[in-house]
PDB file of N, CA and C in Angstrom:
ATOM      1  N   UNK A   1     103.139  72.094 117.270  1.00  0.00           N
ATOM      2  CA  UNK A   1     102.716  71.004 118.100  1.00  0.00           C
ATOM      3  C   UNK A   1     102.392  71.533 119.506  1.00  0.00           C
ATOM      4  N   UNK A   2     101.310  71.037 120.067  1.00  0.00           N
ATOM      5  CA  UNK A   2     100.911  71.455 121.410  1.00  0.00           C
ATOM      6  C   UNK A   2     101.807  70.804 122.452  1.00  0.00           C
ATOM      7  N   UNK A   3     102.198  71.587 123.431  1.00  0.00           N
ATOM      8  CA  UNK A   3     103.021  71.076 124.525  1.00  0.00           C
ATOM      9  C   UNK A   3     102.118  70.439 125.580  1.00  0.00           C
ATOM     10  N   UNK A   4     102.590  69.391 126.230  1.00  0.00           N
ATOM     11  CA  UNK A   4     101.764  68.756 127.268  1.00  0.00           C
ATOM     12  C   UNK A   4     101.579  69.685 128.465  1.00  0.00           C
ATOM     13  N   UNK A   5     100.436  69.539 129.130  1.00  0.00           N
ATOM     14  CA  UNK A   5     100.171  70.320 130.328  1.00  0.00           C
ATOM     15  C   UNK A   5     100.825  69.629 131.518  1.00  0.00           C
ATOM     16  N   UNK A   6     101.469  70.401 132.372  1.00  0.00           N
ATOM     17  CA  UNK A   6     102.160  69.894 133.553  1.00  0.00           C
ATOM     18  C   UNK A   6     101.163  69.130 134.433  1.00  0.00           C
ATOM     19  N   UNK A   7     101.364  67.816 134.630  1.00  0.00           N
ATOM     20  CA  UNK A   7     100.407  67.033 135.428  1.00  0.00           C
ATOM     21  C   UNK A   7     100.364  67.463 136.893  1.00  0.00           C
ATOM     22  N   UNK A   8     101.439  68.047 137.400  1.00  0.00           N
ATOM     23  CA  UNK A   8     101.423  68.533 138.780  1.00  0.00           C
ATOM     24  C   UNK A   8     100.460  69.708 138.901  1.00  0.00           C
ATOM     25  N   UNK A   9     100.481  70.606 137.946  1.00  0.00           N
ATOM     26  CA  UNK A   9      99.615  71.784 138.001  1.00  0.00           C
ATOM     27  C   UNK A   9      98.222  71.521 137.440  1.00  0.00           C
ATOM     28  N   UNK A  10      98.048  70.438 136.730  1.00  0.00           N
ATOM     29  CA  UNK A  10      96.765  70.173 136.088  1.00  0.00           C
ATOM     30  C   UNK A  10      95.727  69.608 137.061  1.00  0.00           C
ATOM     31  N   UNK A  11      96.131  69.318 138.276  1.00  0.00           N
ATOM     32  CA  UNK A  11      95.200  68.896 139.321  1.00  0.00           C
ATOM     33  C   UNK A  11      94.417  70.122 139.798  1.00  0.00           C
ATOM     34  N   UNK A  12      93.122  69.975 139.955  1.00  0.00           N
ATOM     35  CA  UNK A  12      92.274  71.119 140.306  1.00  0.00           C
ATOM     36  C   UNK A  12      92.725  71.810 141.594  1.00  0.00           C
ATOM     37  N   UNK A  13      92.969  71.060 142.659  1.00  0.00           N
ATOM     38  CA  UNK A  13      93.340  71.683 143.928  1.00  0.00           C
ATOM     39  C   UNK A  13      94.753  72.264 143.879  1.00  0.00           C
ATOM     40  N   UNK A  14      95.687  71.549 143.271  1.00  0.00           N
ATOM     41  CA  UNK A  14      97.048  72.092 143.173  1.00  0.00           C
ATOM     42  C   UNK A  14      97.059  73.367 142.327  1.00  0.00           C
ATOM     43  N   UNK A  15      96.285  73.389 141.252  1.00  0.00           N
ATOM     44  CA  UNK A  15      96.193  74.589 140.420  1.00  0.00           C
ATOM     45  C   UNK A  15      95.593  75.745 141.219  1.00  0.00           C
ATOM     46  N   UNK A  16      94.593  75.459 142.043  1.00  0.00           N
ATOM     47  CA  UNK A  16      93.982  76.499 142.881  1.00  0.00           C
ATOM     48  C   UNK A  16      94.998  77.044 143.884  1.00  0.00           C
ATOM     49  N   UNK A  17      95.759  76.162 144.511  1.00  0.00           N
ATOM     50  CA  UNK A  17      96.770  76.591 145.487  1.00  0.00           C
ATOM     51  C   UNK A  17      97.793  77.504 144.823  1.00  0.00           C
ATOM     52  N   UNK A  18      98.325  77.059 143.708  1.00  0.00           N
ATOM     53  CA  UNK A  18      99.361  77.830 143.007  1.00  0.00           C
ATOM     54  C   UNK A  18      98.792  79.151 142.503  1.00  0.00           C
ATOM     55  N   UNK A  19      97.581  79.144 141.991  1.00  0.00           N
ATOM     56  CA  UNK A  19      96.962  80.387 141.510  1.00  0.00           C
ATOM     57  C   UNK A  19      96.819  81.394 142.646  1.00  0.00           C
ATOM     58  N   UNK A  20      96.415  80.918 143.816  1.00  0.00           N
ATOM     59  CA  UNK A  20      96.307  81.810 144.974  1.00  0.00           C
ATOM     60  C   UNK A  20      97.669  82.339 145.390  1.00  0.00           C
ATOM     61  N   UNK A  21      98.664  81.472 145.401  1.00  0.00           N
ATOM     62  CA  UNK A  21     100.003  81.881 145.832  1.00  0.00           C
ATOM     63  C   UNK A  21     100.661  82.843 144.840  1.00  0.00           C
ATOM     64  N   UNK A  22     100.287  82.760 143.577  1.00  0.00           N
ATOM     65  CA  UNK A  22     100.852  83.681 142.587  1.00  0.00           C
ATOM     66  C   UNK A  22     100.399  85.121 142.848  1.00  0.00           C
ATOM     67  N   UNK A  23      99.288  85.276 143.540  1.00  0.00           N
ATOM     68  CA  UNK A  23      98.723  86.612 143.766  1.00  0.00           C
ATOM     69  C   UNK A  23      99.186  87.254 145.072  1.00  0.00           C
ATOM     70  N   UNK A  24      99.897  86.492 145.913  1.00  0.00           N
ATOM     71  CA  UNK A  24     100.339  87.008 147.212  1.00  0.00           C
ATOM     72  C   UNK A  24     101.800  86.638 147.448  1.00  0.00           C
ATOM     73  N   UNK A  25     102.425  87.283 148.414  1.00  0.00           N
ATOM     74  CA  UNK A  25     103.818  86.947 148.754  1.00  0.00           C
ATOM     75  C   UNK A  25     103.877  85.557 149.374  1.00  0.00           C
ATOM     76  N   UNK A  26     102.983  85.299 150.327  1.00  0.00           N
ATOM     77  CA  UNK A  26     102.867  83.991 150.951  1.00  0.00           C
ATOM     78  C   UNK A  26     101.469  83.854 151.540  1.00  0.00           C
ATOM     79  N   UNK A  27     101.121  82.648 151.939  1.00  0.00           N
ATOM     80  CA  UNK A  27      99.793  82.412 152.496  1.00  0.00           C
ATOM     81  C   UNK A  27      99.877  81.261 153.482  1.00  0.00           C
ATOM     82  N   UNK A  28      99.109  81.381 154.563  1.00  0.00           N
ATOM     83  CA  UNK A  28      99.119  80.303 155.537  1.00  0.00           C
ATOM     84  C   UNK A  28      98.060  79.248 155.184  1.00  0.00           C
ATOM     85  N   UNK A  29      98.171  78.120 155.863  1.00  0.00           N
ATOM     86  CA  UNK A  29      97.314  76.967 155.601  1.00  0.00           C
ATOM     87  C   UNK A  29      95.838  77.351 155.726  1.00  0.00           C
ATOM     88  N   UNK A  30      95.495  78.107 156.779  1.00  0.00           N
ATOM     89  CA  UNK A  30      94.093  78.474 157.006  1.00  0.00           C
ATOM     90  C   UNK A  30      93.539  79.292 155.836  1.00  0.00           C
ATOM     91  N   UNK A  31      94.327  80.219 155.309  1.00  0.00           N
ATOM     92  CA  UNK A  31      93.898  81.030 154.174  1.00  0.00           C
ATOM     93  C   UNK A  31      93.648  80.142 152.946  1.00  0.00           C
ATOM     94  N   UNK A  32      94.599  79.245 152.674  1.00  0.00           N
ATOM     95  CA  UNK A  32      94.448  78.360 151.520  1.00  0.00           C
ATOM     96  C   UNK A  32      93.242  77.440 151.687  1.00  0.00           C
ATOM     97  N   UNK A  33      93.024  76.977 152.907  1.00  0.00           N
ATOM     98  CA  UNK A  33      91.885  76.100 153.153  1.00  0.00           C
ATOM     99  C   UNK A  33      90.569  76.853 152.975  1.00  0.00           C
ATOM    100  N   UNK A  34      90.523  78.070 153.475  1.00  0.00           N
ATOM    101  CA  UNK A  34      89.311  78.881 153.330  1.00  0.00           C
ATOM    102  C   UNK A  34      88.993  79.144 151.858  1.00  0.00           C
ATOM    103  N   UNK A  35      90.018  79.492 151.080  1.00  0.00           N
ATOM    104  CA  UNK A  35      89.812  79.844 149.677  1.00  0.00           C
ATOM    105  C   UNK A  35      89.514  78.628 148.790  1.00  0.00           C
ATOM    106  N   UNK A  36      90.084  77.473 149.134  1.00  0.00           N
ATOM    107  CA  UNK A  36      89.898  76.281 148.290  1.00  0.00           C
ATOM    108  C   UNK A  36      88.782  75.371 148.774  1.00  0.00           C
ATOM    109  N   UNK A  37      88.379  75.545 150.023  1.00  0.00           N
ATOM    110  CA  UNK A  37      87.345  74.695 150.614  1.00  0.00           C
ATOM    111  C   UNK A  37      87.788  73.233 150.705  1.00  0.00           C
ATOM    112  N   UNK A  38      89.078  72.999 150.777  1.00  0.00           N
ATOM    113  CA  UNK A  38      89.629  71.644 150.838  1.00  0.00           C
ATOM    114  C   UNK A  38      89.658  71.147 152.280  1.00  0.00           C
ATOM    115  N   UNK A  39      89.669  69.838 152.433  1.00  0.00           N
ATOM    116  CA  UNK A  39      89.821  69.263 153.762  1.00  0.00           C
ATOM    117  C   UNK A  39      91.267  69.413 154.213  1.00  0.00           C
ATOM    118  N   UNK A  40      91.494  69.318 155.512  1.00  0.00           N
ATOM    119  CA  UNK A  40      92.858  69.408 156.047  1.00  0.00           C
ATOM    120  C   UNK A  40      93.775  68.396 155.380  1.00  0.00           C
ATOM    121  N   UNK A  41      93.329  67.151 155.317  1.00  0.00           N
ATOM    122  CA  UNK A  41      94.158  66.086 154.770  1.00  0.00           C
ATOM    123  C   UNK A  41      94.477  66.273 153.298  1.00  0.00           C
ATOM    124  N   UNK A  42      93.480  66.618 152.517  1.00  0.00           N
ATOM    125  CA  UNK A  42      93.696  66.788 151.076  1.00  0.00           C
ATOM    126  C   UNK A  42      94.591  67.988 150.803  1.00  0.00           C
ATOM    127  N   UNK A  43      94.334  69.102 151.492  1.00  0.00           N
ATOM    128  CA  UNK A  43      95.159  70.292 151.293  1.00  0.00           C
ATOM    129  C   UNK A  43      96.603  70.007 151.700  1.00  0.00           C
ATOM    130  N   UNK A  44      96.776  69.342 152.832  1.00  0.00           N
ATOM    131  CA  UNK A  44      98.121  69.002 153.285  1.00  0.00           C
ATOM    132  C   UNK A  44      98.862  68.120 152.295  1.00  0.00           C
ATOM    133  N   UNK A  45      98.156  67.142 151.732  1.00  0.00           N
ATOM    134  CA  UNK A  45      98.780  66.237 150.758  1.00  0.00           C
ATOM    135  C   UNK A  45      99.183  66.979 149.487  1.00  0.00           C
ATOM    136  N   UNK A  46      98.344  67.897 149.029  1.00  0.00           N
ATOM    137  CA  UNK A  46      98.643  68.625 147.794  1.00  0.00           C
ATOM    138  C   UNK A  46      99.766  69.643 148.012  1.00  0.00           C
ATOM    139  N   UNK A  47      99.801  70.253 149.183  1.00  0.00           N
ATOM    140  CA  UNK A  47     100.903  71.156 149.518  1.00  0.00           C
ATOM    141  C   UNK A  47     102.210  70.370 149.534  1.00  0.00           C
ATOM    142  N   UNK A  48     102.184  69.194 150.125  1.00  0.00           N
ATOM    143  CA  UNK A  48     103.389  68.359 150.181  1.00  0.00           C
ATOM    144  C   UNK A  48     103.866  68.006 148.775  1.00  0.00           C
ATOM    145  N   UNK A  49     102.931  67.656 147.893  1.00  0.00           N
ATOM    146  CA  UNK A  49     103.278  67.314 146.503  1.00  0.00           C
ATOM    147  C   UNK A  49     103.925  68.512 145.801  1.00  0.00           C
ATOM    148  N   UNK A  50     103.355  69.697 145.988  1.00  0.00           N
ATOM    149  CA  UNK A  50     103.918  70.905 145.374  1.00  0.00           C
ATOM    150  C   UNK A  50     105.289  71.228 145.952  1.00  0.00           C
ATOM    151  N   UNK A  51     105.470  70.987 147.237  1.00  0.00           N
ATOM    152  CA  UNK A  51     106.770  71.229 147.869  1.00  0.00           C
ATOM    153  C   UNK A  51     107.805  70.227 147.356  1.00  0.00           C
ATOM    154  N   UNK A  52     107.428  68.960 147.252  1.00  0.00           N
ATOM    155  CA  UNK A  52     108.351  67.933 146.759  1.00  0.00           C
ATOM    156  C   UNK A  52     108.796  68.214 145.327  1.00  0.00           C
ATOM    157  N   UNK A  53     107.925  68.809 144.547  1.00  0.00           N
ATOM    158  CA  UNK A  53     108.240  69.154 143.163  1.00  0.00           C
ATOM    159  C   UNK A  53     109.119  70.402 143.084  1.00  0.00           C
ATOM    160  N   UNK A  54     109.164  71.152 144.176  1.00  0.00           N
ATOM    161  CA  UNK A  54     109.958  72.374 144.198  1.00  0.00           C
ATOM    162  C   UNK A  54     109.203  73.591 143.711  1.00  0.00           C
ATOM    163  N   UNK A  55     107.878  73.474 143.578  1.00  0.00           N
ATOM    164  CA  UNK A  55     107.080  74.592 143.091  1.00  0.00           C
ATOM    165  C   UNK A  55     106.741  75.584 144.196  1.00  0.00           C
ATOM    166  N   UNK A  56     106.680  75.099 145.442  1.00  0.00           N
ATOM    167  CA  UNK A  56     106.427  75.992 146.566  1.00  0.00           C
ATOM    168  C   UNK A  56     107.419  75.700 147.679  1.00  0.00           C
ATOM    169  N   UNK A  57     107.604  76.699 148.523  1.00  0.00           N
ATOM    170  CA  UNK A  57     108.426  76.564 149.718  1.00  0.00           C
ATOM    171  C   UNK A  57     107.470  76.593 150.906  1.00  0.00           C
ATOM    172  N   UNK A  58     107.676  75.694 151.860  1.00  0.00           N
ATOM    173  CA  UNK A  58     106.808  75.615 153.028  1.00  0.00           C
ATOM    174  C   UNK A  58     107.630  75.912 154.274  1.00  0.00           C
ATOM    175  N   UNK A  59     107.125  76.842 155.071  1.00  0.00           N
ATOM    176  CA  UNK A  59     107.743  77.159 156.356  1.00  0.00           C
ATOM    177  C   UNK A  59     106.780  76.752 157.467  1.00  0.00           C
ATOM    178  N   UNK A  60     107.291  75.990 158.407  1.00  0.00           N
ATOM    179  CA  UNK A  60     106.461  75.589 159.544  1.00  0.00           C
ATOM    180  C   UNK A  60     106.983  76.288 160.782  1.00  0.00           C
ATOM    181  N   UNK A  61     106.078  76.768 161.590  1.00  0.00           N
ATOM    182  CA  UNK A  61     106.450  77.459 162.812  1.00  0.00           C
ATOM    183  C   UNK A  61     105.257  77.553 163.735  1.00  0.00           C
ATOM    184  N   UNK A  62     105.289  78.520 164.598  1.00  0.00           N
ATOM    185  CA  UNK A  62     104.204  78.718 165.553  1.00  0.00           C
ATOM    186  C   UNK A  62     103.782  80.174 165.561  1.00  0.00           C
ATOM    187  N   UNK A  63     102.496  80.386 165.749  1.00  0.00           N
ATOM    188  CA  UNK A  63     101.933  81.716 165.906  1.00  0.00           C
ATOM    189  C   UNK A  63     100.941  81.637 167.062  1.00  0.00           C
ATOM    190  N   UNK A  64     101.178  82.431 168.095  1.00  0.00           N
ATOM    191  CA  UNK A  64     100.338  82.370 169.299  1.00  0.00           C
ATOM    192  C   UNK A  64     100.269  80.950 169.859  1.00  0.00           C
ATOM    193  N   UNK A  65     101.416  80.301 169.906  1.00  0.00           N
ATOM    194  CA  UNK A  65     101.551  78.932 170.429  1.00  0.00           C
ATOM    195  C   UNK A  65     100.758  77.889 169.646  1.00  0.00           C
ATOM    196  N   UNK A  66     100.397  78.204 168.426  1.00  0.00           N
ATOM    197  CA  UNK A  66      99.690  77.246 167.565  1.00  0.00           C
ATOM    198  C   UNK A  66     100.552  76.977 166.339  1.00  0.00           C
ATOM    199  N   UNK A  67     100.561  75.724 165.878  1.00  0.00           N
ATOM    200  CA  UNK A  67     101.342  75.407 164.675  1.00  0.00           C
ATOM    201  C   UNK A  67     100.845  76.235 163.486  1.00  0.00           C
ATOM    202  N   UNK A  68     101.797  76.667 162.671  1.00  0.00           N
ATOM    203  CA  UNK A  68     101.432  77.445 161.487  1.00  0.00           C
ATOM    204  C   UNK A  68     102.268  76.975 160.302  1.00  0.00           C
ATOM    205  N   UNK A  69     101.589  76.779 159.188  1.00  0.00           N
ATOM    206  CA  UNK A  69     102.237  76.406 157.934  1.00  0.00           C
ATOM    207  C   UNK A  69     102.041  77.551 156.954  1.00  0.00           C
ATOM    208  N   UNK A  70     103.146  78.061 156.417  1.00  0.00           N
ATOM    209  CA  UNK A  70     103.092  79.180 155.472  1.00  0.00           C
ATOM    210  C   UNK A  70     103.739  78.735 154.167  1.00  0.00           C
ATOM    211  N   UNK A  71     103.068  79.001 153.061  1.00  0.00           N
ATOM    212  CA  UNK A  71     103.540  78.585 151.737  1.00  0.00           C
ATOM    213  C   UNK A  71     103.836  79.800 150.874  1.00  0.00           C
ATOM    214  N   UNK A  72     104.836  79.648 150.012  1.00  0.00           N
ATOM    215  CA  UNK A  72     105.116  80.685 149.025  1.00  0.00           C
ATOM    216  C   UNK A  72     105.662  80.033 147.756  1.00  0.00           C
ATOM    217  N   UNK A  73     105.473  80.698 146.649  1.00  0.00           N
ATOM    218  CA  UNK A  73     105.958  80.185 145.372  1.00  0.00           C
ATOM    219  C   UNK A  73     107.475  80.283 145.302  1.00  0.00           C
ATOM    220  N   UNK A  74     108.093  79.313 144.645  1.00  0.00           N
ATOM    221  CA  UNK A  74     109.517  79.383 144.334  1.00  0.00           C
ATOM    222  C   UNK A  74     109.658  79.908 142.908  1.00  0.00           C
ATOM    223  N   UNK A  75     110.873  80.263 142.531  1.00  0.00           N
ATOM    224  CA  UNK A  75     111.105  80.690 141.142  1.00  0.00           C
ATOM    225  C   UNK A  75     110.757  79.554 140.182  1.00  0.00           C
ATOM    226  N   UNK A  76     111.127  78.341 140.544  1.00  0.00           N
ATOM    227  CA  UNK A  76     110.792  77.179 139.708  1.00  0.00           C
ATOM    228  C   UNK A  76     109.279  77.066 139.540  1.00  0.00           C
ATOM    229  N   UNK A  77     108.549  77.270 140.627  1.00  0.00           N
ATOM    230  CA  UNK A  77     107.095  77.203 140.569  1.00  0.00           C
ATOM    231  C   UNK A  77     106.485  78.303 139.724  1.00  0.00           C
ATOM    232  N   UNK A  78     107.033  79.507 139.848  1.00  0.00           N
ATOM    233  CA  UNK A  78     106.531  80.626 139.048  1.00  0.00           C
ATOM    234  C   UNK A  78     106.744  80.373 137.555  1.00  0.00           C
ATOM    235  N   UNK A  79     107.912  79.840 137.212  1.00  0.00           N
ATOM    236  CA  UNK A  79     108.195  79.534 135.811  1.00  0.00           C
ATOM    237  C   UNK A  79     107.281  78.416 135.305  1.00  0.00           C
ATOM    238  N   UNK A  80     107.074  77.393 136.131  1.00  0.00           N
ATOM    239  CA  UNK A  80     106.205  76.276 135.741  1.00  0.00           C
ATOM    240  C   UNK A  80     104.773  76.755 135.534  1.00  0.00           C
ATOM    241  N   UNK A  81     104.301  77.648 136.413  1.00  0.00           N
ATOM    242  CA  UNK A  81     102.945  78.179 136.278  1.00  0.00           C
ATOM    243  C   UNK A  81     102.812  79.003 135.005  1.00  0.00           C
ATOM    244  N   UNK A  82     103.796  79.857 134.735  1.00  0.00           N
ATOM    245  CA  UNK A  82     103.761  80.679 133.515  1.00  0.00           C
ATOM    246  C   UNK A  82     103.741  79.790 132.272  1.00  0.00           C
ATOM    247  N   UNK A  83     104.538  78.724 132.283  1.00  0.00           N
ATOM    248  CA  UNK A  83     104.565  77.791 131.154  1.00  0.00           C
ATOM    249  C   UNK A  83     103.235  77.058 131.020  1.00  0.00           C
ATOM    250  N   UNK A  84     102.659  76.675 132.144  1.00  0.00           N
ATOM    251  CA  UNK A  84     101.362  75.993 132.145  1.00  0.00           C
ATOM    252  C   UNK A  84     100.296  76.885 131.506  1.00  0.00           C
ATOM    253  N   UNK A  85     100.265  78.144 131.926  1.00  0.00           N
ATOM    254  CA  UNK A  85      99.281  79.092 131.387  1.00  0.00           C
ATOM    255  C   UNK A  85      99.502  79.283 129.889  1.00  0.00           C
ATOM    256  N   UNK A  86     100.760  79.410 129.478  1.00  0.00           N
ATOM    257  CA  UNK A  86     101.062  79.564 128.053  1.00  0.00           C
ATOM    258  C   UNK A  86     100.591  78.346 127.267  1.00  0.00           C
ATOM    259  N   UNK A  87     100.900  77.163 127.760  1.00  0.00           N
ATOM    260  CA  UNK A  87     100.496  75.935 127.071  1.00  0.00           C
ATOM    261  C   UNK A  87      98.980  75.814 127.008  1.00  0.00           C
ATOM    262  N   UNK A  88      98.302  76.182 128.085  1.00  0.00           N
ATOM    263  CA  UNK A  88      96.841  76.119 128.105  1.00  0.00           C
ATOM    264  C   UNK A  88      96.249  77.108 127.098  1.00  0.00           C
ATOM    265  N   UNK A  89      96.843  78.284 127.005  1.00  0.00           N
ATOM    266  CA  UNK A  89      96.376  79.270 126.011  1.00  0.00           C
ATOM    267  C   UNK A  89      96.558  78.742 124.592  1.00  0.00           C
ATOM    268  N   UNK A  90      97.678  78.047 124.374  1.00  0.00           N
ATOM    269  CA  UNK A  90      97.909  77.439 123.049  1.00  0.00           C
ATOM    270  C   UNK A  90      96.811  76.430 122.721  1.00  0.00           C
ATOM    271  N   UNK A  91      96.409  75.632 123.704  1.00  0.00           N
ATOM    272  CA  UNK A  91      95.317  74.681 123.507  1.00  0.00           C
ATOM    273  C   UNK A  91      94.032  75.412 123.142  1.00  0.00           C
ATOM    274  N   UNK A  92      93.736  76.471 123.875  1.00  0.00           N
ATOM    275  CA  UNK A  92      92.501  77.219 123.649  1.00  0.00           C
ATOM    276  C   UNK A  92      92.518  77.902 122.289  1.00  0.00           C
ATOM    277  N   UNK A  93      93.629  78.515 121.940  1.00  0.00           N
ATOM    278  CA  UNK A  93      93.736  79.244 120.686  1.00  0.00           C
ATOM    279  C   UNK A  93      93.639  78.329 119.466  1.00  0.00           C
ATOM    280  N   UNK A  94      94.079  77.100 119.613  1.00  0.00           N
ATOM    281  CA  UNK A  94      94.023  76.173 118.483  1.00  0.00           C
ATOM    282  C   UNK A  94      92.716  75.403 118.416  1.00  0.00           C
ATOM    283  N   UNK A  95      91.893  75.563 119.461  1.00  0.00           N
ATOM    284  CA  UNK A  95      90.633  74.793 119.559  1.00  0.00           C
ATOM    285  C   UNK A  95      89.554  75.280 118.721  1.00  0.00           C
TER     286      UNK A  95
END
């Protein structure tokens, strides 16, 4: 039986954010915005959703007297992403 795909990760922008974060130790808001081409508001909302789920950790601070938001994957998020990829492969392989 096919396992359901995680609805948190199945969103296009959230999946893009998590995919980018899986490839780096951490990433700031500007980097994620540049790579995803998302608006400030949409990116902020999706980051908040991922943080509330426990998939990413968000650190807020300042760099050169400017606010900075830095995101990184949590262990829970890494496991959820790996499971998502496995489930998606199962869908593809059975298709």
